[in-house]
Amino acid sequence: MKSSSKKMLVSIVIPVFQNSETIALIYRDIRKVFHEVLMHLEFEILFIDDGSSDGSFDEIKKCMDKDSRVKAIQFSRNFGQMAAILAGWRKARGDAVVNVSADLQDPISQIGNMVQSWEKGSDIVVSFRSKRTDHWFARLTSNLFYRLMRMSYPQMPLGGFDFALIDRRPLEAINQLKERNRFYQGDIFWVGYSITFLPYTRLKREFGRTQYTLLRRIHNFWIAYLNVSYMPIRFMSMLGFLFFMLGVAYSVTVIYAYFFSSTPFVGWAPLMILVLMIGGLSMLMLGIIGEYIWRIYDEVKNRPQYIIKDEQL
């Protein structure tokens, strides 16, 4: 049970990219939750504008003019959602930090349930999508993505999650991680604190359009999967061994044909198929190895994960 002589502070971290229509609404809904359900707690709202060009930062400043508990960080350009989340986590002052999307598809009322679970002793509270009203293709790709993630993190909910509360202790541990290509859901499981799972229904998007195109989904999956799993390397090793054994078996066939048949080899098609298969497999393996090497190179460059243009905390 969390207890203190002073009011505990909860920080709400909200990455923003092209969400000008929802800024005022999400501020209103958060304020309502804390005024009606969590009156005994202090709160701050930290918007991180990830290079929006639709006036999102102007909308954030309007909320700041109304309420000193609203804070803002503006990036110099779009660095991606992961960078925005990390910036928010590093700047948040709360005893607990809640990460929530700015598109209003995550019901803000769920924050009340998450905070109450934290007050009962949970170090991390994950709200996972038990149902979602997204397009069937989004549901399909999300389900496939998180099923693959479960190979590395068996605790991963099948519906996945972006909506999470993290206590200050595990958050400090996560903030110590320095690698650039991050999968923050994996980081949450990696630190090893107690986790409570709460289901919710992801709401239909009412404002704007999603920024997660198919190419961005594939990009995010590739970064996340290579970050948390050595399975591609292991797969290459097993596949390479399989093709080596097939090559040995085929060599035996060729030798047999040489000694006991009128011709050592009939036709060039089998040979061409074999060369093409092995050549393609080799290129695939080199490509995957190259992805890992690129990540090493990216770490060695040690560039900042984001650049802050404006900060009003």
C-alpha atoms as a PDB file:
ATOM      1  CA  MET A   1       0.000   0.000   0.000  1.00  0.00           C
ATOM      2  CA  LYS A   2       1.433   3.349  -1.034  1.00  0.00           C
ATOM      3  CA  SER A   3       1.307   5.874   1.765  1.00  0.00           C
ATOM      4  CA  SER A   4       2.877   9.273   2.431  1.00  0.00           C
ATOM      5  CA  SER A   5       2.393  12.323   4.630  1.00  0.00           C
ATOM      6  CA  LYS A   6       2.282  14.475   1.497  1.00  0.00           C
ATOM      7  CA  LYS A   7       0.195  14.074  -1.603  1.00  0.00           C
ATOM      8  CA  MET A   8       1.669  11.675  -4.120  1.00  0.00           C
ATOM      9  CA  LEU A   9       2.311  13.035  -7.607  1.00  0.00           C
ATOM     10  CA  VAL A  10       1.255  11.185 -10.765  1.00  0.00           C
ATOM     11  CA  SER A  11       2.799  12.258 -14.068  1.00  0.00           C
ATOM     12  CA  ILE A  12       0.852  11.681 -17.293  1.00  0.00           C
ATOM     13  CA  VAL A  13       3.224  11.396 -20.266  1.00  0.00           C
ATOM     14  CA  ILE A  14       1.603  11.951 -23.668  1.00  0.00           C
ATOM     15  CA  PRO A  15       3.570  11.675 -26.947  1.00  0.00           C
ATOM     16  CA  VAL A  16       1.992  13.986 -29.535  1.00  0.00           C
ATOM     17  CA  PHE A  17       2.292  13.852 -33.314  1.00  0.00           C
ATOM     18  CA  GLN A  18      -0.324  15.591 -35.450  1.00  0.00           C
ATOM     19  CA  ASN A  19      -2.926  15.448 -32.640  1.00  0.00           C
ATOM     20  CA  SER A  20      -4.069  19.086 -32.490  1.00  0.00           C
ATOM     21  CA  GLU A  21      -7.747  18.082 -32.399  1.00  0.00           C
ATOM     22  CA  THR A  22      -7.432  15.970 -29.263  1.00  0.00           C
ATOM     23  CA  ILE A  23      -5.104  18.024 -27.006  1.00  0.00           C
ATOM     24  CA  ALA A  24      -7.840  20.040 -25.279  1.00  0.00           C
ATOM     25  CA  LEU A  25     -10.082  16.965 -24.969  1.00  0.00           C
ATOM     26  CA  ILE A  26      -7.424  14.757 -23.397  1.00  0.00           C
ATOM     27  CA  TYR A  27      -6.526  17.554 -20.945  1.00  0.00           C
ATOM     28  CA  ARG A  28     -10.204  17.889 -20.010  1.00  0.00           C
ATOM     29  CA  ASP A  29     -10.617  14.143 -19.468  1.00  0.00           C
ATOM     30  CA  ILE A  30      -7.468  13.789 -17.337  1.00  0.00           C
ATOM     31  CA  ARG A  31      -8.472  16.744 -15.194  1.00  0.00           C
ATOM     32  CA  LYS A  32     -11.906  15.172 -14.701  1.00  0.00           C
ATOM     33  CA  VAL A  33     -10.432  11.845 -13.527  1.00  0.00           C
ATOM     34  CA  PHE A  34      -8.244  13.523 -10.914  1.00  0.00           C
ATOM     35  CA  HIS A  35     -10.968  15.877  -9.719  1.00  0.00           C
ATOM     36  CA  GLU A  36     -13.643  13.181  -9.435  1.00  0.00           C
ATOM     37  CA  VAL A  37     -11.820   9.906  -8.693  1.00  0.00           C
ATOM     38  CA  LEU A  38      -8.255  10.694  -7.604  1.00  0.00           C
ATOM     39  CA  MET A  39      -8.850  13.852  -5.580  1.00  0.00           C
ATOM     40  CA  HIS A  40      -6.244  12.824  -2.982  1.00  0.00           C
ATOM     41  CA  LEU A  41      -3.407  12.927  -5.536  1.00  0.00           C
ATOM     42  CA  GLU A  42      -1.497  15.656  -7.333  1.00  0.00           C
ATOM     43  CA  PHE A  43      -0.925  15.335 -11.051  1.00  0.00           C
ATOM     44  CA  GLU A  44       1.056  16.845 -13.904  1.00  0.00           C
ATOM     45  CA  ILE A  45       0.538  16.415 -17.632  1.00  0.00           C
ATOM     46  CA  LEU A  46       3.638  16.295 -19.801  1.00  0.00           C
ATOM     47  CA  PHE A  47       2.998  16.650 -23.543  1.00  0.00           C
ATOM     48  CA  ILE A  48       5.920  15.781 -25.837  1.00  0.00           C
ATOM     49  CA  ASP A  49       5.403  17.277 -29.296  1.00  0.00           C
ATOM     50  CA  ASP A  50       7.276  15.000 -31.690  1.00  0.00           C
ATOM     51  CA  GLY A  51       7.734  17.507 -34.511  1.00  0.00           C
ATOM     52  CA  SER A  52       4.054  18.078 -35.318  1.00  0.00           C
ATOM     53  CA  SER A  53       3.203  20.487 -38.153  1.00  0.00           C
ATOM     54  CA  ASP A  54      -0.548  20.830 -37.503  1.00  0.00           C
ATOM     55  CA  GLY A  55      -0.493  23.327 -34.627  1.00  0.00           C
ATOM     56  CA  SER A  56      -0.368  20.720 -31.850  1.00  0.00           C
ATOM     57  CA  PHE A  57       2.152  22.746 -29.846  1.00  0.00           C
ATOM     58  CA  ASP A  58      -0.073  25.831 -29.993  1.00  0.00           C
ATOM     59  CA  GLU A  59      -2.916  23.752 -28.542  1.00  0.00           C
ATOM     60  CA  ILE A  60      -0.618  22.495 -25.794  1.00  0.00           C
ATOM     61  CA  LYS A  61       0.348  26.083 -24.920  1.00  0.00           C
ATOM     62  CA  LYS A  62      -3.337  27.013 -24.615  1.00  0.00           C
ATOM     63  CA  CYS A  63      -3.708  24.291 -21.974  1.00  0.00           C
ATOM     64  CA  MET A  64      -0.577  25.552 -20.229  1.00  0.00           C
ATOM     65  CA  ASP A  65      -2.044  29.048 -20.036  1.00  0.00           C
ATOM     66  CA  LYS A  66      -5.057  27.604 -18.193  1.00  0.00           C
ATOM     67  CA  ASP A  67      -3.222  25.213 -15.866  1.00  0.00           C
ATOM     68  CA  SER A  68       0.319  25.322 -14.460  1.00  0.00           C
ATOM     69  CA  ARG A  69       0.228  21.529 -14.076  1.00  0.00           C
ATOM     70  CA  VAL A  70       0.492  21.168 -17.863  1.00  0.00           C
ATOM     71  CA  LYS A  71       4.106  20.944 -19.109  1.00  0.00           C
ATOM     72  CA  ALA A  72       5.522  20.675 -22.618  1.00  0.00           C
ATOM     73  CA  ILE A  73       8.546  19.514 -24.563  1.00  0.00           C
ATOM     74  CA  GLN A  74       8.896  20.249 -28.269  1.00  0.00           C
ATOM     75  CA  PHE A  75      11.309  18.305 -30.471  1.00  0.00           C
ATOM     76  CA  SER A  76      13.201  19.999 -33.315  1.00  0.00           C
ATOM     77  CA  ARG A  77      11.758  17.417 -35.732  1.00  0.00           C
ATOM     78  CA  ASN A  78       9.972  14.071 -35.718  1.00  0.00           C
ATOM     79  CA  PHE A  79      12.150  11.564 -33.842  1.00  0.00           C
ATOM     80  CA  GLY A  80       9.456   8.911 -33.343  1.00  0.00           C
ATOM     81  CA  GLN A  81       7.129   7.805 -30.583  1.00  0.00           C
ATOM     82  CA  MET A  82       9.806   5.885 -28.700  1.00  0.00           C
ATOM     83  CA  ALA A  83      11.994   8.984 -28.393  1.00  0.00           C
ATOM     84  CA  ALA A  84       9.014  11.038 -27.195  1.00  0.00           C
ATOM     85  CA  ILE A  85       8.142   8.470 -24.537  1.00  0.00           C
ATOM     86  CA  LEU A  86      11.746   8.334 -23.292  1.00  0.00           C
ATOM     87  CA  ALA A  87      11.935  12.132 -23.091  1.00  0.00           C
ATOM     88  CA  GLY A  88       8.735  12.193 -21.055  1.00  0.00           C
ATOM     89  CA  TRP A  89       9.930   9.477 -18.687  1.00  0.00           C
ATOM     90  CA  ARG A  90      13.222  11.285 -18.081  1.00  0.00           C
ATOM     91  CA  LYS A  91      11.569  14.634 -17.364  1.00  0.00           C
ATOM     92  CA  ALA A  92       8.572  13.386 -15.353  1.00  0.00           C
ATOM     93  CA  ARG A  93       8.693  14.185 -11.625  1.00  0.00           C
ATOM     94  CA  GLY A  94       5.901  11.892 -10.449  1.00  0.00           C
ATOM     95  CA  ASP A  95       5.967   9.082  -7.902  1.00  0.00           C
ATOM     96  CA  ALA A  96       4.283   7.151 -10.705  1.00  0.00           C
ATOM     97  CA  VAL A  97       4.215   7.843 -14.438  1.00  0.00           C
ATOM     98  CA  VAL A  98       1.372   6.905 -16.776  1.00  0.00           C
ATOM     99  CA  ASN A  99       2.065   6.584 -20.487  1.00  0.00           C
ATOM    100  CA  VAL A 100      -0.987   7.252 -22.676  1.00  0.00           C
ATOM    101  CA  SER A 101      -1.557   7.903 -26.395  1.00  0.00           C
ATOM    102  CA  ALA A 102      -2.836  11.276 -27.590  1.00  0.00           C
ATOM    103  CA  ASP A 103      -5.405   9.899 -30.052  1.00  0.00           C
ATOM    104  CA  LEU A 104      -8.079   9.235 -27.372  1.00  0.00           C
ATOM    105  CA  GLN A 105      -8.339   5.567 -28.332  1.00  0.00           C
ATOM    106  CA  ASP A 106      -7.143   4.679 -24.840  1.00  0.00           C
ATOM    107  CA  PRO A 107      -9.993   5.552 -22.418  1.00  0.00           C
ATOM    108  CA  ILE A 108      -8.693   8.160 -19.976  1.00  0.00           C
ATOM    109  CA  SER A 109     -11.061   6.837 -17.279  1.00  0.00           C
ATOM    110  CA  GLN A 110      -8.841   3.742 -17.124  1.00  0.00           C
ATOM    111  CA  ILE A 111      -6.169   5.868 -15.410  1.00  0.00           C
ATOM    112  CA  GLY A 112      -8.295   5.778 -12.252  1.00  0.00           C
ATOM    113  CA  ASN A 113      -8.205   1.963 -12.164  1.00  0.00           C
ATOM    114  CA  MET A 114      -4.472   1.912 -12.887  1.00  0.00           C
ATOM    115  CA  VAL A 115      -3.614   4.367 -10.112  1.00  0.00           C
ATOM    116  CA  GLN A 116      -5.793   2.514  -7.604  1.00  0.00           C
ATOM    117  CA  SER A 117      -3.976  -0.727  -8.439  1.00  0.00           C
ATOM    118  CA  TRP A 118      -0.646   1.061  -7.957  1.00  0.00           C
ATOM    119  CA  GLU A 119      -1.796   2.382  -4.575  1.00  0.00           C
ATOM    120  CA  LYS A 120      -2.512  -1.189  -3.514  1.00  0.00           C
ATOM    121  CA  GLY A 121       1.116  -2.139  -4.113  1.00  0.00           C
ATOM    122  CA  SER A 122       1.668  -2.845  -7.822  1.00  0.00           C
ATOM    123  CA  ASP A 123       4.968  -1.546  -9.169  1.00  0.00           C
ATOM    124  CA  ILE A 124       3.800  -1.612 -12.784  1.00  0.00           C
ATOM    125  CA  VAL A 125       0.239  -1.602 -14.099  1.00  0.00           C
ATOM    126  CA  VAL A 126      -0.261  -2.605 -17.726  1.00  0.00           C
ATOM    127  CA  SER A 127      -3.589  -1.876 -19.393  1.00  0.00           C
ATOM    128  CA  PHE A 128      -3.816  -4.257 -22.325  1.00  0.00           C
ATOM    129  CA  ARG A 129      -6.212  -4.249 -25.241  1.00  0.00           C
ATOM    130  CA  SER A 130      -8.654  -7.100 -24.676  1.00  0.00           C
ATOM    131  CA  LYS A 131     -10.846  -5.781 -27.497  1.00  0.00           C
ATOM    132  CA  ARG A 132     -10.300  -3.187 -30.183  1.00  0.00           C
ATOM    133  CA  THR A 133     -12.501  -1.507 -32.764  1.00  0.00           C
ATOM    134  CA  ASP A 134      -9.695  -0.888 -35.280  1.00  0.00           C
ATOM    135  CA  HIS A 135      -9.725  -2.050 -38.893  1.00  0.00           C
ATOM    136  CA  TRP A 136      -9.350  -5.824 -39.317  1.00  0.00           C
ATOM    137  CA  PHE A 137      -5.886  -5.435 -40.863  1.00  0.00           C
ATOM    138  CA  ALA A 138      -4.635  -3.452 -37.851  1.00  0.00           C
ATOM    139  CA  ARG A 139      -5.994  -6.171 -35.546  1.00  0.00           C
ATOM    140  CA  LEU A 140      -4.379  -8.910 -37.627  1.00  0.00           C
ATOM    141  CA  THR A 141      -0.910  -7.320 -37.785  1.00  0.00           C
ATOM    142  CA  SER A 142      -1.023  -6.377 -34.103  1.00  0.00           C
ATOM    143  CA  ASN A 143      -1.960  -9.922 -33.111  1.00  0.00           C
ATOM    144  CA  LEU A 144       0.852 -11.376 -35.228  1.00  0.00           C
ATOM    145  CA  PHE A 145       3.372  -8.883 -33.849  1.00  0.00           C
ATOM    146  CA  TYR A 146       2.600  -9.599 -30.199  1.00  0.00           C
ATOM    147  CA  ARG A 147       2.490 -13.355 -30.727  1.00  0.00           C
ATOM    148  CA  LEU A 148       6.070 -13.141 -31.971  1.00  0.00           C
ATOM    149  CA  MET A 149       6.990 -10.914 -29.025  1.00  0.00           C
ATOM    150  CA  ARG A 150       5.647 -13.558 -26.641  1.00  0.00           C
ATOM    151  CA  MET A 151       8.474 -15.838 -27.772  1.00  0.00           C
ATOM    152  CA  SER A 152      10.821 -13.495 -25.889  1.00  0.00           C
ATOM    153  CA  TYR A 153       8.374 -12.194 -23.270  1.00  0.00           C
ATOM    154  CA  PRO A 154       5.758 -14.838 -22.348  1.00  0.00           C
ATOM    155  CA  GLN A 155       3.957 -12.263 -20.160  1.00  0.00           C
ATOM    156  CA  MET A 156       3.157 -10.090 -23.173  1.00  0.00           C
ATOM    157  CA  PRO A 157      -0.635  -9.770 -23.576  1.00  0.00           C
ATOM    158  CA  LEU A 158      -1.864 -10.979 -26.962  1.00  0.00           C
ATOM    159  CA  GLY A 159      -3.603  -7.665 -27.565  1.00  0.00           C
ATOM    160  CA  GLY A 160      -0.429  -5.749 -26.765  1.00  0.00           C
ATOM    161  CA  PHE A 161      -0.281  -2.490 -24.860  1.00  0.00           C
ATOM    162  CA  ASP A 162       0.890   1.132 -24.953  1.00  0.00           C
ATOM    163  CA  PHE A 163      -1.052   2.226 -21.865  1.00  0.00           C
ATOM    164  CA  ALA A 164       1.016   1.635 -18.709  1.00  0.00           C
ATOM    165  CA  LEU A 165       1.718   3.008 -15.227  1.00  0.00           C
ATOM    166  CA  ILE A 166       5.244   2.681 -13.854  1.00  0.00           C
ATOM    167  CA  ASP A 167       6.304   3.340 -10.266  1.00  0.00           C
ATOM    168  CA  ARG A 168       9.315   5.609  -9.706  1.00  0.00           C
ATOM    169  CA  ARG A 169      11.647   2.712  -8.762  1.00  0.00           C
ATOM    170  CA  PRO A 170      11.263   0.633 -11.955  1.00  0.00           C
ATOM    171  CA  LEU A 171      11.141   3.844 -13.983  1.00  0.00           C
ATOM    172  CA  GLU A 172      14.560   4.863 -12.671  1.00  0.00           C
ATOM    173  CA  ALA A 173      15.865   1.423 -13.660  1.00  0.00           C
ATOM    174  CA  ILE A 174      14.401   1.750 -17.169  1.00  0.00           C
ATOM    175  CA  ASN A 175      15.838   5.253 -17.537  1.00  0.00           C
ATOM    176  CA  GLN A 176      19.313   3.827 -16.962  1.00  0.00           C
ATOM    177  CA  LEU A 177      19.067   1.761 -20.160  1.00  0.00           C
ATOM    178  CA  LYS A 178      21.072   3.543 -22.838  1.00  0.00           C
ATOM    179  CA  GLU A 179      20.620   1.605 -26.079  1.00  0.00           C
ATOM    180  CA  ARG A 180      19.099   3.549 -28.965  1.00  0.00           C
ATOM    181  CA  ASN A 181      16.825   1.033 -30.710  1.00  0.00           C
ATOM    182  CA  ARG A 182      14.326   0.431 -27.931  1.00  0.00           C
ATOM    183  CA  PHE A 183      11.161  -1.559 -27.413  1.00  0.00           C
ATOM    184  CA  TYR A 184       9.789  -0.027 -24.235  1.00  0.00           C
ATOM    185  CA  GLN A 185       7.192  -2.753 -23.618  1.00  0.00           C
ATOM    186  CA  GLY A 186      10.102  -5.191 -23.470  1.00  0.00           C
ATOM    187  CA  ASP A 187      11.996  -2.846 -21.142  1.00  0.00           C
ATOM    188  CA  ILE A 188       9.028  -2.871 -18.762  1.00  0.00           C
ATOM    189  CA  PHE A 189       9.115  -6.671 -18.533  1.00  0.00           C
ATOM    190  CA  TRP A 190      12.906  -6.790 -18.386  1.00  0.00           C
ATOM    191  CA  VAL A 191      13.284  -4.772 -15.162  1.00  0.00           C
ATOM    192  CA  GLY A 192      11.497  -7.530 -13.271  1.00  0.00           C
ATOM    193  CA  TYR A 193       9.160  -5.677 -10.892  1.00  0.00           C
ATOM    194  CA  SER A 194       5.657  -6.861 -10.018  1.00  0.00           C
ATOM    195  CA  ILE A 195       3.140  -6.276 -12.811  1.00  0.00           C
ATOM    196  CA  THR A 196      -0.640  -6.108 -12.683  1.00  0.00           C
ATOM    197  CA  PHE A 197      -2.614  -6.500 -15.915  1.00  0.00           C
ATOM    198  CA  LEU A 198      -5.897  -4.662 -16.474  1.00  0.00           C
ATOM    199  CA  PRO A 199      -7.992  -5.233 -19.636  1.00  0.00           C
ATOM    200  CA  TYR A 200      -9.737  -2.489 -21.566  1.00  0.00           C
ATOM    201  CA  THR A 201     -11.445  -1.993 -24.917  1.00  0.00           C
ATOM    202  CA  ARG A 202      -9.536   0.200 -27.343  1.00  0.00           C
ATOM    203  CA  LEU A 203     -11.887   2.865 -28.657  1.00  0.00           C
ATOM    204  CA  LYS A 204     -12.597   3.784 -32.251  1.00  0.00           C
ATOM    205  CA  ARG A 205     -10.534   6.665 -33.581  1.00  0.00           C
ATOM    206  CA  GLU A 206     -12.724   9.762 -33.847  1.00  0.00           C
ATOM    207  CA  PHE A 207     -10.166  12.424 -34.746  1.00  0.00           C
ATOM    208  CA  GLY A 208      -7.570  12.589 -37.492  1.00  0.00           C
ATOM    209  CA  ARG A 209      -6.033   9.508 -39.044  1.00  0.00           C
ATOM    210  CA  THR A 210      -3.500   7.067 -37.754  1.00  0.00           C
ATOM    211  CA  GLN A 211       0.168   7.731 -38.484  1.00  0.00           C
ATOM    212  CA  TYR A 212       0.902   3.987 -38.376  1.00  0.00           C
ATOM    213  CA  THR A 213       1.031   3.033 -42.036  1.00  0.00           C
ATOM    214  CA  LEU A 214       1.923  -0.488 -43.104  1.00  0.00           C
ATOM    215  CA  LEU A 215       5.548   0.521 -43.687  1.00  0.00           C
ATOM    216  CA  ARG A 216       5.770   2.101 -40.223  1.00  0.00           C
ATOM    217  CA  ARG A 217       4.265  -1.023 -38.640  1.00  0.00           C
ATOM    218  CA  ILE A 218       6.854  -3.184 -40.390  1.00  0.00           C
ATOM    219  CA  HIS A 219       9.626  -0.789 -39.350  1.00  0.00           C
ATOM    220  CA  ASN A 220       8.525  -0.779 -35.705  1.00  0.00           C
ATOM    221  CA  PHE A 221       8.176  -4.556 -35.694  1.00  0.00           C
ATOM    222  CA  TRP A 222      11.651  -5.045 -37.135  1.00  0.00           C
ATOM    223  CA  ILE A 223      13.268  -2.691 -34.596  1.00  0.00           C
ATOM    224  CA  ALA A 224      11.396  -4.288 -31.701  1.00  0.00           C
ATOM    225  CA  TYR A 225      11.979  -7.887 -32.756  1.00  0.00           C
ATOM    226  CA  LEU A 226      15.708  -7.495 -33.342  1.00  0.00           C
ATOM    227  CA  ASN A 227      15.967  -5.618 -30.055  1.00  0.00           C
ATOM    228  CA  VAL A 228      14.445  -8.362 -27.915  1.00  0.00           C
ATOM    229  CA  SER A 229      15.164 -11.577 -29.801  1.00  0.00           C
ATOM    230  CA  TYR A 230      18.129 -13.570 -31.109  1.00  0.00           C
ATOM    231  CA  MET A 231      15.690 -15.830 -32.954  1.00  0.00           C
ATOM    232  CA  PRO A 232      16.673 -14.569 -36.458  1.00  0.00           C
ATOM    233  CA  ILE A 233      20.315 -15.523 -35.815  1.00  0.00           C
ATOM    234  CA  ARG A 234      19.290 -18.906 -34.446  1.00  0.00           C
ATOM    235  CA  PHE A 235      16.929 -19.421 -37.375  1.00  0.00           C
ATOM    236  CA  MET A 236      19.765 -18.694 -39.796  1.00  0.00           C
ATOM    237  CA  SER A 237      22.013 -21.192 -38.014  1.00  0.00           C
ATOM    238  CA  MET A 238      19.384 -23.932 -38.152  1.00  0.00           C
ATOM    239  CA  LEU A 239      18.520 -23.181 -41.760  1.00  0.00           C
ATOM    240  CA  GLY A 240      22.197 -23.122 -42.715  1.00  0.00           C
ATOM    241  CA  PHE A 241      22.725 -26.497 -41.047  1.00  0.00           C
ATOM    242  CA  LEU A 242      19.666 -27.909 -42.836  1.00  0.00           C
ATOM    243  CA  PHE A 243      20.928 -26.777 -46.240  1.00  0.00           C
ATOM    244  CA  PHE A 244      24.399 -28.122 -45.444  1.00  0.00           C
ATOM    245  CA  MET A 245      22.905 -31.552 -44.731  1.00  0.00           C
ATOM    246  CA  LEU A 246      20.820 -31.384 -47.910  1.00  0.00           C
ATOM    247  CA  GLY A 247      23.977 -30.479 -49.819  1.00  0.00           C
ATOM    248  CA  VAL A 248      25.808 -33.480 -48.354  1.00  0.00           C
ATOM    249  CA  ALA A 249      22.911 -35.776 -49.288  1.00  0.00           C
ATOM    250  CA  TYR A 250      22.808 -34.349 -52.818  1.00  0.00           C
ATOM    251  CA  SER A 251      26.571 -34.812 -53.163  1.00  0.00           C
ATOM    252  CA  VAL A 252      26.128 -38.501 -52.375  1.00  0.00           C
ATOM    253  CA  THR A 253      23.547 -38.700 -55.177  1.00  0.00           C
ATOM    254  CA  VAL A 254      25.922 -37.019 -57.641  1.00  0.00           C
ATOM    255  CA  ILE A 255      28.784 -39.378 -56.720  1.00  0.00           C
ATOM    256  CA  TYR A 256      26.514 -42.392 -57.106  1.00  0.00           C
ATOM    257  CA  ALA A 257      25.388 -41.170 -60.517  1.00  0.00           C
ATOM    258  CA  TYR A 258      29.004 -40.663 -61.578  1.00  0.00           C
ATOM    259  CA  PHE A 259      30.014 -44.227 -60.836  1.00  0.00           C
ATOM    260  CA  PHE A 260      26.857 -46.187 -61.645  1.00  0.00           C
ATOM    261  CA  SER A 261      25.055 -44.191 -64.346  1.00  0.00           C
ATOM    262  CA  SER A 262      25.864 -43.455 -67.964  1.00  0.00           C
ATOM    263  CA  THR A 263      26.080 -39.751 -67.164  1.00  0.00           C
ATOM    264  CA  PRO A 264      27.232 -38.042 -63.978  1.00  0.00           C
ATOM    265  CA  PHE A 265      24.408 -35.545 -64.054  1.00  0.00           C
ATOM    266  CA  VAL A 266      21.157 -35.280 -66.006  1.00  0.00           C
ATOM    267  CA  GLY A 267      20.128 -31.695 -66.805  1.00  0.00           C
ATOM    268  CA  TRP A 268      21.227 -28.405 -65.355  1.00  0.00           C
ATOM    269  CA  ALA A 269      17.879 -27.417 -63.753  1.00  0.00           C
ATOM    270  CA  PRO A 270      18.503 -29.137 -60.386  1.00  0.00           C
ATOM    271  CA  LEU A 271      21.922 -27.506 -60.189  1.00  0.00           C
ATOM    272  CA  MET A 272      20.524 -24.064 -61.001  1.00  0.00           C
ATOM    273  CA  ILE A 273      17.731 -24.473 -58.443  1.00  0.00           C
ATOM    274  CA  LEU A 274      20.280 -25.453 -55.818  1.00  0.00           C
ATOM    275  CA  VAL A 275      22.587 -22.528 -56.652  1.00  0.00           C
ATOM    276  CA  LEU A 276      19.709 -20.055 -56.597  1.00  0.00           C
ATOM    277  CA  MET A 277      18.328 -21.362 -53.306  1.00  0.00           C
ATOM    278  CA  ILE A 278      21.692 -21.302 -51.568  1.00  0.00           C
ATOM    279  CA  GLY A 279      22.556 -17.918 -53.089  1.00  0.00           C
ATOM    280  CA  GLY A 280      19.242 -16.439 -51.956  1.00  0.00           C
ATOM    281  CA  LEU A 281      19.617 -17.955 -48.510  1.00  0.00           C
ATOM    282  CA  SER A 282      23.137 -16.527 -48.200  1.00  0.00           C
ATOM    283  CA  MET A 283      21.918 -13.042 -49.128  1.00  0.00           C
ATOM    284  CA  LEU A 284      19.083 -13.314 -46.611  1.00  0.00           C
ATOM    285  CA  MET A 285      21.499 -14.344 -43.864  1.00  0.00           C
ATOM    286  CA  LEU A 286      23.918 -11.536 -44.735  1.00  0.00           C
ATOM    287  CA  GLY A 287      21.035  -9.064 -44.640  1.00  0.00           C
ATOM    288  CA  ILE A 288      19.939 -10.124 -41.160  1.00  0.00           C
ATOM    289  CA  ILE A 289      23.521 -10.094 -39.889  1.00  0.00           C
ATOM    290  CA  GLY A 290      23.848  -6.631 -41.442  1.00  0.00           C
ATOM    291  CA  GLU A 291      20.844  -5.450 -39.413  1.00  0.00           C
ATOM    292  CA  TYR A 292      22.588  -6.460 -36.191  1.00  0.00           C
ATOM    293  CA  ILE A 293      25.864  -4.859 -37.304  1.00  0.00           C
ATOM    294  CA  TRP A 294      24.007  -1.657 -38.197  1.00  0.00           C
ATOM    295  CA  ARG A 295      22.648  -1.539 -34.651  1.00  0.00           C
ATOM    296  CA  ILE A 296      26.184  -1.838 -33.284  1.00  0.00           C
ATOM    297  CA  TYR A 297      27.255   1.024 -35.579  1.00  0.00           C
ATOM    298  CA  ASP A 298      24.279   3.108 -34.484  1.00  0.00           C
ATOM    299  CA  GLU A 299      25.212   2.612 -30.824  1.00  0.00           C
ATOM    300  CA  VAL A 300      28.881   3.476 -31.463  1.00  0.00           C
ATOM    301  CA  LYS A 301      27.931   6.809 -33.088  1.00  0.00           C
ATOM    302  CA  ASN A 302      26.294   7.734 -29.768  1.00  0.00           C
ATOM    303  CA  ARG A 303      24.063  10.439 -31.216  1.00  0.00           C
ATOM    304  CA  PRO A 304      21.271  11.788 -28.968  1.00  0.00           C
ATOM    305  CA  GLN A 305      17.927  10.035 -29.355  1.00  0.00           C
ATOM    306  CA  TYR A 306      16.162  13.382 -29.753  1.00  0.00           C
ATOM    307  CA  ILE A 307      16.824  17.136 -29.795  1.00  0.00           C
ATOM    308  CA  ILE A 308      14.647  19.424 -27.687  1.00  0.00           C
ATOM    309  CA  LYS A 309      13.704  22.674 -29.404  1.00  0.00           C
ATOM    310  CA  ASP A 310      11.568  24.097 -26.590  1.00  0.00           C
ATOM    311  CA  GLU A 311      11.000  22.978 -23.027  1.00  0.00           C
ATOM    312  CA  GLN A 312       8.449  24.429 -20.638  1.00  0.00           C
ATOM    313  CA  LEU A 313       8.433  22.430 -17.405  1.00  0.00           C
END
